[in-house]
Amino acid sequence: IPGRQETAAGGRWRQGPGLSFIEAIKQ
């Protein structure tokens, strides 16, 4: 959500770290 928004409307989905993060934990 844009930092100055007053509600959660207007945000968008972004890609997270995914499997590389899980693999780092397991390693």
mmCIF file of all heavy atoms, coordinates in Angstrom:
data_MODEL
# 
_entry.id   MODEL 
# 
loop_
_atom_site.group_PDB 
_atom_site.id 
_atom_site.type_symbol 
_atom_site.label_atom_id 
_atom_site.label_alt_id 
_atom_site.label_comp_id 
_atom_site.label_asym_id 
_atom_site.label_entity_id 
_atom_site.label_seq_id 
_atom_site.pdbx_PDB_ins_code 
_atom_site.Cartn_x 
_atom_site.Cartn_y 
_atom_site.Cartn_z 
_atom_site.occupancy 
_atom_site.B_iso_or_equiv 
_atom_site.pdbx_formal_charge 
_atom_site.auth_seq_id 
_atom_site.auth_comp_id 
_atom_site.auth_asym_id 
_atom_site.auth_atom_id 
_atom_site.pdbx_PDB_model_num 
ATOM 1   N N   . ILE A 1 1  ? 0.862  -1.186  0.000   1.00 0.00 ? 1  ILE A N   1 
ATOM 2   C CA  . ILE A 1 1  ? 0.000  0.000   0.000   1.00 0.00 ? 1  ILE A CA  1 
ATOM 3   C C   . ILE A 1 1  ? 0.895  1.233   0.000   1.00 0.00 ? 1  ILE A C   1 
ATOM 4   O O   . ILE A 1 1  ? 1.854  1.309   0.790   1.00 0.00 ? 1  ILE A O   1 
ATOM 5   C CB  . ILE A 1 1  ? -0.894 0.002   1.253   1.00 0.00 ? 1  ILE A CB  1 
ATOM 6   C CG1 . ILE A 1 1  ? -1.701 -1.303  1.327   1.00 0.00 ? 1  ILE A CG1 1 
ATOM 7   C CG2 . ILE A 1 1  ? -1.839 1.202   1.258   1.00 0.00 ? 1  ILE A CG2 1 
ATOM 8   C CD1 . ILE A 1 1  ? -2.298 -1.571  2.693   1.00 0.00 ? 1  ILE A CD1 1 
ATOM 9   N N   . PRO A 1 2  ? 0.646  2.219   -0.850  1.00 0.00 ? 2  PRO A N   1 
ATOM 10  C CA  . PRO A 1 2  ? 1.459  3.438   -0.826  1.00 0.00 ? 2  PRO A CA  1 
ATOM 11  C C   . PRO A 1 2  ? 1.543  4.015   0.583   1.00 0.00 ? 2  PRO A C   1 
ATOM 12  O O   . PRO A 1 2  ? 0.557  4.035   1.338   1.00 0.00 ? 2  PRO A O   1 
ATOM 13  C CB  . PRO A 1 2  ? 0.711  4.377   -1.778  1.00 0.00 ? 2  PRO A CB  1 
ATOM 14  C CG  . PRO A 1 2  ? 0.031  3.452   -2.742  1.00 0.00 ? 2  PRO A CG  1 
ATOM 15  C CD  . PRO A 1 2  ? -0.369 2.254   -1.934  1.00 0.00 ? 2  PRO A CD  1 
ATOM 16  N N   . GLY A 1 3  ? 2.718  4.485   0.931   1.00 0.00 ? 3  GLY A N   1 
ATOM 17  C CA  . GLY A 1 3  ? 3.003  4.869   2.311   1.00 0.00 ? 3  GLY A CA  1 
ATOM 18  C C   . GLY A 1 3  ? 2.098  5.925   2.901   1.00 0.00 ? 3  GLY A C   1 
ATOM 19  O O   . GLY A 1 3  ? 1.910  5.973   4.114   1.00 0.00 ? 3  GLY A O   1 
ATOM 20  N N   . ARG A 1 4  ? 1.511  6.777   2.104   1.00 0.00 ? 4  ARG A N   1 
ATOM 21  C CA  . ARG A 1 4  ? 0.673  7.858   2.628   1.00 0.00 ? 4  ARG A CA  1 
ATOM 22  C C   . ARG A 1 4  ? -0.823 7.563   2.516   1.00 0.00 ? 4  ARG A C   1 
ATOM 23  O O   . ARG A 1 4  ? -1.641 8.433   2.817   1.00 0.00 ? 4  ARG A O   1 
ATOM 24  C CB  . ARG A 1 4  ? 1.006  9.170   1.905   1.00 0.00 ? 4  ARG A CB  1 
ATOM 25  C CG  . ARG A 1 4  ? 2.460  9.617   2.125   1.00 0.00 ? 4  ARG A CG  1 
ATOM 26  C CD  . ARG A 1 4  ? 2.717  10.997  1.543   1.00 0.00 ? 4  ARG A CD  1 
ATOM 27  N NE  . ARG A 1 4  ? 4.106  11.386  1.723   1.00 0.00 ? 4  ARG A NE  1 
ATOM 28  C CZ  . ARG A 1 4  ? 4.602  11.924  2.834   1.00 0.00 ? 4  ARG A CZ  1 
ATOM 29  N NH1 . ARG A 1 4  ? 3.801  12.137  3.867   1.00 0.00 ? 4  ARG A NH1 1 
ATOM 30  N NH2 . ARG A 1 4  ? 5.876  12.257  2.917   1.00 0.00 ? 4  ARG A NH2 1 
ATOM 31  N N   . GLN A 1 5  ? -1.175 6.357   2.098   1.00 0.00 ? 5  GLN A N   1 
ATOM 32  C CA  . GLN A 1 5  ? -2.585 6.001   1.999   1.00 0.00 ? 5  GLN A CA  1 
ATOM 33  C C   . GLN A 1 5  ? -3.215 5.919   3.394   1.00 0.00 ? 5  GLN A C   1 
ATOM 34  O O   . GLN A 1 5  ? -2.562 5.517   4.362   1.00 0.00 ? 5  GLN A O   1 
ATOM 35  C CB  . GLN A 1 5  ? -2.743 4.647   1.315   1.00 0.00 ? 5  GLN A CB  1 
ATOM 36  C CG  . GLN A 1 5  ? -2.483 4.661   -0.176  1.00 0.00 ? 5  GLN A CG  1 
ATOM 37  C CD  . GLN A 1 5  ? -3.683 5.169   -0.958  1.00 0.00 ? 5  GLN A CD  1 
ATOM 38  O OE1 . GLN A 1 5  ? -3.639 6.265   -1.514  1.00 0.00 ? 5  GLN A OE1 1 
ATOM 39  N NE2 . GLN A 1 5  ? -4.744 4.398   -1.004  1.00 0.00 ? 5  GLN A NE2 1 
ATOM 40  N N   . GLU A 1 6  ? -4.497 6.271   3.490   1.00 0.00 ? 6  GLU A N   1 
ATOM 41  C CA  . GLU A 1 6  ? -5.210 6.203   4.762   1.00 0.00 ? 6  GLU A CA  1 
ATOM 42  C C   . GLU A 1 6  ? -6.059 4.945   4.876   1.00 0.00 ? 6  GLU A C   1 
ATOM 43  O O   . GLU A 1 6  ? -6.572 4.650   5.958   1.00 0.00 ? 6  GLU A O   1 
ATOM 44  C CB  . GLU A 1 6  ? -6.086 7.445   4.943   1.00 0.00 ? 6  GLU A CB  1 
ATOM 45  C CG  . GLU A 1 6  ? -5.264 8.733   5.058   1.00 0.00 ? 6  GLU A CG  1 
ATOM 46  C CD  . GLU A 1 6  ? -6.126 9.946   5.347   1.00 0.00 ? 6  GLU A CD  1 
ATOM 47  O OE1 . GLU A 1 6  ? -7.368 9.781   5.434   1.00 0.00 ? 6  GLU A OE1 1 
ATOM 48  O OE2 . GLU A 1 6  ? -5.565 11.044  5.482   1.00 0.00 ? 6  GLU A OE2 1 
ATOM 49  N N   . THR A 1 7  ? -6.236 4.216   3.786   1.00 0.00 ? 7  THR A N   1 
ATOM 50  C CA  . THR A 1 7  ? -6.906 2.916   3.826   1.00 0.00 ? 7  THR A CA  1 
ATOM 51  C C   . THR A 1 7  ? -6.087 1.940   2.989   1.00 0.00 ? 7  THR A C   1 
ATOM 52  O O   . THR A 1 7  ? -5.138 2.325   2.304   1.00 0.00 ? 7  THR A O   1 
ATOM 53  C CB  . THR A 1 7  ? -8.346 2.984   3.264   1.00 0.00 ? 7  THR A CB  1 
ATOM 54  O OG1 . THR A 1 7  ? -8.293 3.147   1.841   1.00 0.00 ? 7  THR A OG1 1 
ATOM 55  C CG2 . THR A 1 7  ? -9.128 4.141   3.886   1.00 0.00 ? 7  THR A CG2 1 
ATOM 56  N N   . ALA A 1 8  ? -6.498 0.667   3.043   1.00 0.00 ? 8  ALA A N   1 
ATOM 57  C CA  . ALA A 1 8  ? -5.778 -0.363  2.289   1.00 0.00 ? 8  ALA A CA  1 
ATOM 58  C C   . ALA A 1 8  ? -6.172 -0.389  0.813   1.00 0.00 ? 8  ALA A C   1 
ATOM 59  O O   . ALA A 1 8  ? -5.539 -1.090  0.016   1.00 0.00 ? 8  ALA A O   1 
ATOM 60  C CB  . ALA A 1 8  ? -6.018 -1.728  2.915   1.00 0.00 ? 8  ALA A CB  1 
ATOM 61  N N   . ALA A 1 9  ? -7.202 0.357   0.446   1.00 0.00 ? 9  ALA A N   1 
ATOM 62  C CA  . ALA A 1 9  ? -7.580 0.421   -0.962  1.00 0.00 ? 9  ALA A CA  1 
ATOM 63  C C   . ALA A 1 9  ? -6.467 1.107   -1.757  1.00 0.00 ? 9  ALA A C   1 
ATOM 64  O O   . ALA A 1 9  ? -5.797 2.013   -1.260  1.00 0.00 ? 9  ALA A O   1 
ATOM 65  C CB  . ALA A 1 9  ? -8.889 1.180   -1.121  1.00 0.00 ? 9  ALA A CB  1 
ATOM 66  N N   . GLY A 1 10 ? -6.262 0.664   -2.973  1.00 0.00 ? 10 GLY A N   1 
ATOM 67  C CA  . GLY A 1 10 ? -5.240 1.283   -3.808  1.00 0.00 ? 10 GLY A CA  1 
ATOM 68  C C   . GLY A 1 10 ? -3.895 0.602   -3.765  1.00 0.00 ? 10 GLY A C   1 
ATOM 69  O O   . GLY A 1 10 ? -2.956 1.030   -4.436  1.00 0.00 ? 10 GLY A O   1 
ATOM 70  N N   . GLY A 1 11 ? -3.791 -0.460  -2.961  1.00 0.00 ? 11 GLY A N   1 
ATOM 71  C CA  . GLY A 1 11 ? -2.545 -1.211  -2.953  1.00 0.00 ? 11 GLY A CA  1 
ATOM 72  C C   . GLY A 1 11 ? -2.472 -2.180  -4.118  1.00 0.00 ? 11 GLY A C   1 
ATOM 73  O O   . GLY A 1 11 ? -3.393 -2.293  -4.928  1.00 0.00 ? 11 GLY A O   1 
ATOM 74  N N   . ARG A 1 12 ? -1.358 -2.900  -4.199  1.00 0.00 ? 12 ARG A N   1 
ATOM 75  C CA  . ARG A 1 12 ? -1.239 -3.918  -5.252  1.00 0.00 ? 12 ARG A CA  1 
ATOM 76  C C   . ARG A 1 12 ? -0.345 -5.050  -4.755  1.00 0.00 ? 12 ARG A C   1 
ATOM 77  O O   . ARG A 1 12 ? 0.472  -4.882  -3.843  1.00 0.00 ? 12 ARG A O   1 
ATOM 78  C CB  . ARG A 1 12 ? -0.672 -3.323  -6.532  1.00 0.00 ? 12 ARG A CB  1 
ATOM 79  C CG  . ARG A 1 12 ? 0.751  -2.815  -6.448  1.00 0.00 ? 12 ARG A CG  1 
ATOM 80  C CD  . ARG A 1 12 ? 1.212  -2.393  -7.843  1.00 0.00 ? 12 ARG A CD  1 
ATOM 81  N NE  . ARG A 1 12 ? 2.604  -1.989  -7.855  1.00 0.00 ? 12 ARG A NE  1 
ATOM 82  C CZ  . ARG A 1 12 ? 3.294  -1.773  -8.967  1.00 0.00 ? 12 ARG A CZ  1 
ATOM 83  N NH1 . ARG A 1 12 ? 2.719  -1.934  -10.146 1.00 0.00 ? 12 ARG A NH1 1 
ATOM 84  N NH2 . ARG A 1 12 ? 4.561  -1.411  -8.921  1.00 0.00 ? 12 ARG A NH2 1 
ATOM 85  N N   . TRP A 1 13 ? -0.539 -6.202  -5.355  1.00 0.00 ? 13 TRP A N   1 
ATOM 86  C CA  . TRP A 1 13 ? 0.256  -7.371  -4.992  1.00 0.00 ? 13 TRP A CA  1 
ATOM 87  C C   . TRP A 1 13 ? 1.629  -7.302  -5.655  1.00 0.00 ? 13 TRP A C   1 
ATOM 88  O O   . TRP A 1 13 ? 1.739  -6.960  -6.829  1.00 0.00 ? 13 TRP A O   1 
ATOM 89  C CB  . TRP A 1 13 ? -0.464 -8.648  -5.428  1.00 0.00 ? 13 TRP A CB  1 
ATOM 90  C CG  . TRP A 1 13 ? -1.685 -8.943  -4.604  1.00 0.00 ? 13 TRP A CG  1 
ATOM 91  C CD1 . TRP A 1 13 ? -2.976 -8.672  -4.932  1.00 0.00 ? 13 TRP A CD1 1 
ATOM 92  C CD2 . TRP A 1 13 ? -1.704 -9.547  -3.309  1.00 0.00 ? 13 TRP A CD2 1 
ATOM 93  N NE1 . TRP A 1 13 ? -3.811 -9.070  -3.919  1.00 0.00 ? 13 TRP A NE1 1 
ATOM 94  C CE2 . TRP A 1 13 ? -3.061 -9.615  -2.912  1.00 0.00 ? 13 TRP A CE2 1 
ATOM 95  C CE3 . TRP A 1 13 ? -0.731 -10.035 -2.447  1.00 0.00 ? 13 TRP A CE3 1 
ATOM 96  C CZ2 . TRP A 1 13 ? -3.454 -10.150 -1.690  1.00 0.00 ? 13 TRP A CZ2 1 
ATOM 97  C CZ3 . TRP A 1 13 ? -1.118 -10.565 -1.232  1.00 0.00 ? 13 TRP A CZ3 1 
ATOM 98  C CH2 . TRP A 1 13 ? -2.452 -10.623 -0.866  1.00 0.00 ? 13 TRP A CH2 1 
ATOM 99  N N   . ARG A 1 14 ? 2.641  -7.627  -4.863  1.00 0.00 ? 14 ARG A N   1 
ATOM 100 C CA  . ARG A 1 14 ? 4.016  -7.698  -5.366  1.00 0.00 ? 14 ARG A CA  1 
ATOM 101 C C   . ARG A 1 14 ? 4.600  -9.074  -5.056  1.00 0.00 ? 14 ARG A C   1 
ATOM 102 O O   . ARG A 1 14 ? 4.202  -9.735  -4.101  1.00 0.00 ? 14 ARG A O   1 
ATOM 103 C CB  . ARG A 1 14 ? 4.887  -6.601  -4.740  1.00 0.00 ? 14 ARG A CB  1 
ATOM 104 C CG  . ARG A 1 14 ? 4.461  -5.185  -5.106  1.00 0.00 ? 14 ARG A CG  1 
ATOM 105 C CD  . ARG A 1 14 ? 5.491  -4.184  -4.593  1.00 0.00 ? 14 ARG A CD  1 
ATOM 106 N NE  . ARG A 1 14 ? 5.109  -2.805  -4.854  1.00 0.00 ? 14 ARG A NE  1 
ATOM 107 C CZ  . ARG A 1 14 ? 5.309  -2.176  -6.000  1.00 0.00 ? 14 ARG A CZ  1 
ATOM 108 N NH1 . ARG A 1 14 ? 5.887  -2.826  -7.008  1.00 0.00 ? 14 ARG A NH1 1 
ATOM 109 N NH2 . ARG A 1 14 ? 4.949  -0.919  -6.162  1.00 0.00 ? 14 ARG A NH2 1 
ATOM 110 N N   . GLN A 1 15 ? 5.568  -9.454  -5.850  1.00 0.00 ? 15 GLN A N   1 
ATOM 111 C CA  . GLN A 1 15 ? 6.163  -10.777 -5.697  1.00 0.00 ? 15 GLN A CA  1 
ATOM 112 C C   . GLN A 1 15 ? 7.061  -10.830 -4.472  1.00 0.00 ? 15 GLN A C   1 
ATOM 113 O O   . GLN A 1 15 ? 7.878  -9.932  -4.250  1.00 0.00 ? 15 GLN A O   1 
ATOM 114 C CB  . GLN A 1 15 ? 6.966  -11.137 -6.940  1.00 0.00 ? 15 GLN A CB  1 
ATOM 115 C CG  . GLN A 1 15 ? 7.288  -12.617 -7.060  1.00 0.00 ? 15 GLN A CG  1 
ATOM 116 C CD  . GLN A 1 15 ? 6.041  -13.469 -7.234  1.00 0.00 ? 15 GLN A CD  1 
ATOM 117 O OE1 . GLN A 1 15 ? 5.100  -13.069 -7.906  1.00 0.00 ? 15 GLN A OE1 1 
ATOM 118 N NE2 . GLN A 1 15 ? 6.030  -14.640 -6.614  1.00 0.00 ? 15 GLN A NE2 1 
ATOM 119 N N   . GLY A 1 16 ? 6.909  -11.876 -3.681  1.00 0.00 ? 16 GLY A N   1 
ATOM 120 C CA  . GLY A 1 16 ? 7.779  -12.091 -2.531  1.00 0.00 ? 16 GLY A CA  1 
ATOM 121 C C   . GLY A 1 16 ? 9.014  -12.897 -2.914  1.00 0.00 ? 16 GLY A C   1 
ATOM 122 O O   . GLY A 1 16 ? 9.249  -13.196 -4.090  1.00 0.00 ? 16 GLY A O   1 
ATOM 123 N N   . PRO A 1 17 ? 9.809  -13.292 -1.931  1.00 0.00 ? 17 PRO A N   1 
ATOM 124 C CA  . PRO A 1 17 ? 11.064 -13.993 -2.232  1.00 0.00 ? 17 PRO A CA  1 
ATOM 125 C C   . PRO A 1 17 ? 10.868 -15.423 -2.695  1.00 0.00 ? 17 PRO A C   1 
ATOM 126 O O   . PRO A 1 17 ? 11.754 -16.002 -3.328  1.00 0.00 ? 17 PRO A O   1 
ATOM 127 C CB  . PRO A 1 17 ? 11.822 -13.943 -0.903  1.00 0.00 ? 17 PRO A CB  1 
ATOM 128 C CG  . PRO A 1 17 ? 10.731 -13.890 0.123   1.00 0.00 ? 17 PRO A CG  1 
ATOM 129 C CD  . PRO A 1 17 ? 9.639  -13.051 -0.486  1.00 0.00 ? 17 PRO A CD  1 
ATOM 130 N N   . GLY A 1 18 ? 9.725  -16.031 -2.334  1.00 0.00 ? 18 GLY A N   1 
ATOM 131 C CA  . GLY A 1 18 ? 9.401  -17.352 -2.844  1.00 0.00 ? 18 GLY A CA  1 
ATOM 132 C C   . GLY A 1 18 ? 10.310 -18.461 -2.360  1.00 0.00 ? 18 GLY A C   1 
ATOM 133 O O   . GLY A 1 18 ? 10.831 -18.444 -1.236  1.00 0.00 ? 18 GLY A O   1 
ATOM 134 N N   . LEU A 1 19 ? 10.534 -19.424 -3.229  1.00 0.00 ? 19 LEU A N   1 
ATOM 135 C CA  . LEU A 1 19 ? 11.222 -20.646 -2.849  1.00 0.00 ? 19 LEU A CA  1 
ATOM 136 C C   . LEU A 1 19 ? 12.677 -20.399 -2.470  1.00 0.00 ? 19 LEU A C   1 
ATOM 137 O O   . LEU A 1 19 ? 13.233 -21.141 -1.641  1.00 0.00 ? 19 LEU A O   1 
ATOM 138 C CB  . LEU A 1 19 ? 11.140 -21.660 -4.000  1.00 0.00 ? 19 LEU A CB  1 
ATOM 139 C CG  . LEU A 1 19 ? 11.622 -23.072 -3.686  1.00 0.00 ? 19 LEU A CG  1 
ATOM 140 C CD1 . LEU A 1 19 ? 10.842 -23.679 -2.533  1.00 0.00 ? 19 LEU A CD1 1 
ATOM 141 C CD2 . LEU A 1 19 ? 11.514 -23.950 -4.941  1.00 0.00 ? 19 LEU A CD2 1 
ATOM 142 N N   . SER A 1 20 ? 13.320 -19.373 -3.025  1.00 0.00 ? 20 SER A N   1 
ATOM 143 C CA  . SER A 1 20 ? 14.724 -19.129 -2.664  1.00 0.00 ? 20 SER A CA  1 
ATOM 144 C C   . SER A 1 20 ? 14.862 -18.838 -1.174  1.00 0.00 ? 20 SER A C   1 
ATOM 145 O O   . SER A 1 20 ? 15.860 -19.212 -0.546  1.00 0.00 ? 20 SER A O   1 
ATOM 146 C CB  . SER A 1 20 ? 15.288 -17.983 -3.498  1.00 0.00 ? 20 SER A CB  1 
ATOM 147 O OG  . SER A 1 20 ? 14.737 -16.730 -3.113  1.00 0.00 ? 20 SER A OG  1 
ATOM 148 N N   . PHE A 1 21 ? 13.864 -18.178 -0.599  1.00 0.00 ? 21 PHE A N   1 
ATOM 149 C CA  . PHE A 1 21 ? 13.878 -17.889 0.839   1.00 0.00 ? 21 PHE A CA  1 
ATOM 150 C C   . PHE A 1 21 ? 13.730 -19.183 1.643   1.00 0.00 ? 21 PHE A C   1 
ATOM 151 O O   . PHE A 1 21 ? 14.476 -19.414 2.610   1.00 0.00 ? 21 PHE A O   1 
ATOM 152 C CB  . PHE A 1 21 ? 12.748 -16.914 1.165   1.00 0.00 ? 21 PHE A CB  1 
ATOM 153 C CG  . PHE A 1 21 ? 12.571 -16.630 2.626   1.00 0.00 ? 21 PHE A CG  1 
ATOM 154 C CD1 . PHE A 1 21 ? 13.551 -15.957 3.332   1.00 0.00 ? 21 PHE A CD1 1 
ATOM 155 C CD2 . PHE A 1 21 ? 11.421 -17.025 3.297   1.00 0.00 ? 21 PHE A CD2 1 
ATOM 156 C CE1 . PHE A 1 21 ? 13.395 -15.685 4.683   1.00 0.00 ? 21 PHE A CE1 1 
ATOM 157 C CE2 . PHE A 1 21 ? 11.252 -16.751 4.644   1.00 0.00 ? 21 PHE A CE2 1 
ATOM 158 C CZ  . PHE A 1 21 ? 12.245 -16.081 5.337   1.00 0.00 ? 21 PHE A CZ  1 
ATOM 159 N N   . ILE A 1 22 ? 12.802 -20.034 1.240   1.00 0.00 ? 22 ILE A N   1 
ATOM 160 C CA  . ILE A 1 22 ? 12.595 -21.307 1.933   1.00 0.00 ? 22 ILE A CA  1 
ATOM 161 C C   . ILE A 1 22 ? 13.850 -22.169 1.852   1.00 0.00 ? 22 ILE A C   1 
ATOM 162 O O   . ILE A 1 22 ? 14.269 -22.793 2.834   1.00 0.00 ? 22 ILE A O   1 
ATOM 163 C CB  . ILE A 1 22 ? 11.389 -22.058 1.337   1.00 0.00 ? 22 ILE A CB  1 
ATOM 164 C CG1 . ILE A 1 22 ? 10.119 -21.185 1.418   1.00 0.00 ? 22 ILE A CG1 1 
ATOM 165 C CG2 . ILE A 1 22 ? 11.188 -23.388 2.039   1.00 0.00 ? 22 ILE A CG2 1 
ATOM 166 C CD1 . ILE A 1 22 ? 9.726  -20.765 2.807   1.00 0.00 ? 22 ILE A CD1 1 
ATOM 167 N N   . GLU A 1 23 ? 14.467 -22.185 0.691   1.00 0.00 ? 23 GLU A N   1 
ATOM 168 C CA  . GLU A 1 23 ? 15.686 -22.990 0.524   1.00 0.00 ? 23 GLU A CA  1 
ATOM 169 C C   . GLU A 1 23 ? 16.817 -22.471 1.408   1.00 0.00 ? 23 GLU A C   1 
ATOM 170 O O   . GLU A 1 23 ? 17.601 -23.261 1.948   1.00 0.00 ? 23 GLU A O   1 
ATOM 171 C CB  . GLU A 1 23 ? 16.104 -22.989 -0.944  1.00 0.00 ? 23 GLU A CB  1 
ATOM 172 C CG  . GLU A 1 23 ? 15.155 -23.781 -1.838  1.00 0.00 ? 23 GLU A CG  1 
ATOM 173 C CD  . GLU A 1 23 ? 15.488 -23.638 -3.316  1.00 0.00 ? 23 GLU A CD  1 
ATOM 174 O OE1 . GLU A 1 23 ? 16.197 -22.656 -3.667  1.00 0.00 ? 23 GLU A OE1 1 
ATOM 175 O OE2 . GLU A 1 23 ? 15.028 -24.482 -4.114  1.00 0.00 ? 23 GLU A OE2 1 
ATOM 176 N N   . ALA A 1 24 ? 16.887 -21.144 1.585   1.00 0.00 ? 24 ALA A N   1 
ATOM 177 C CA  . ALA A 1 24 ? 17.911 -20.578 2.459   1.00 0.00 ? 24 ALA A CA  1 
ATOM 178 C C   . ALA A 1 24 ? 17.693 -21.006 3.903   1.00 0.00 ? 24 ALA A C   1 
ATOM 179 O O   . ALA A 1 24 ? 18.647 -21.306 4.636   1.00 0.00 ? 24 ALA A O   1 
ATOM 180 C CB  . ALA A 1 24 ? 17.910 -19.054 2.348   1.00 0.00 ? 24 ALA A CB  1 
ATOM 181 N N   . ILE A 1 25 ? 16.429 -21.032 4.339   1.00 0.00 ? 25 ILE A N   1 
ATOM 182 C CA  . ILE A 1 25 ? 16.129 -21.485 5.701   1.00 0.00 ? 25 ILE A CA  1 
ATOM 183 C C   . ILE A 1 25 ? 16.545 -22.942 5.867   1.00 0.00 ? 25 ILE A C   1 
ATOM 184 O O   . ILE A 1 25 ? 17.210 -23.311 6.841   1.00 0.00 ? 25 ILE A O   1 
ATOM 185 C CB  . ILE A 1 25 ? 14.626 -21.330 6.006   1.00 0.00 ? 25 ILE A CB  1 
ATOM 186 C CG1 . ILE A 1 25 ? 14.208 -19.855 5.978   1.00 0.00 ? 25 ILE A CG1 1 
ATOM 187 C CG2 . ILE A 1 25 ? 14.298 -21.931 7.376   1.00 0.00 ? 25 ILE A CG2 1 
ATOM 188 C CD1 . ILE A 1 25 ? 12.720 -19.639 6.127   1.00 0.00 ? 25 ILE A CD1 1 
ATOM 189 N N   . LYS A 1 26 ? 16.154 -23.774 4.929   1.00 0.00 ? 26 LYS A N   1 
ATOM 190 C CA  . LYS A 1 26 ? 16.435 -25.202 5.050   1.00 0.00 ? 26 LYS A CA  1 
ATOM 191 C C   . LYS A 1 26 ? 17.930 -25.494 4.981   1.00 0.00 ? 26 LYS A C   1 
ATOM 192 O O   . LYS A 1 26 ? 18.418 -26.428 5.621   1.00 0.00 ? 26 LYS A O   1 
ATOM 193 C CB  . LYS A 1 26 ? 15.676 -25.969 3.968   1.00 0.00 ? 26 LYS A CB  1 
ATOM 194 C CG  . LYS A 1 26 ? 14.167 -26.004 4.223   1.00 0.00 ? 26 LYS A CG  1 
ATOM 195 C CD  . LYS A 1 26 ? 13.456 -26.854 3.202   1.00 0.00 ? 26 LYS A CD  1 
ATOM 196 C CE  . LYS A 1 26 ? 11.995 -27.046 3.589   1.00 0.00 ? 26 LYS A CE  1 
ATOM 197 N NZ  . LYS A 1 26 ? 11.821 -27.840 4.806   1.00 0.00 ? 26 LYS A NZ  1 
ATOM 198 N N   . GLN A 1 27 ? 18.652 -24.698 4.236   1.00 0.00 ? 27 GLN A N   1 
ATOM 199 C CA  . GLN A 1 27 ? 20.090 -24.910 4.141   1.00 0.00 ? 27 GLN A CA  1 
ATOM 200 C C   . GLN A 1 27 ? 20.794 -24.495 5.423   1.00 0.00 ? 27 GLN A C   1 
ATOM 201 O O   . GLN A 1 27 ? 21.714 -25.183 5.894   1.00 0.00 ? 27 GLN A O   1 
ATOM 202 C CB  . GLN A 1 27 ? 20.657 -24.119 2.960   1.00 0.00 ? 27 GLN A CB  1 
ATOM 203 C CG  . GLN A 1 27 ? 22.169 -24.275 2.798   1.00 0.00 ? 27 GLN A CG  1 
ATOM 204 C CD  . GLN A 1 27 ? 22.702 -23.511 1.607   1.00 0.00 ? 27 GLN A CD  1 
ATOM 205 O OE1 . GLN A 1 27 ? 21.942 -22.948 0.813   1.00 0.00 ? 27 GLN A OE1 1 
ATOM 206 N NE2 . GLN A 1 27 ? 24.014 -23.473 1.454   1.00 0.00 ? 27 GLN A NE2 1 
# 
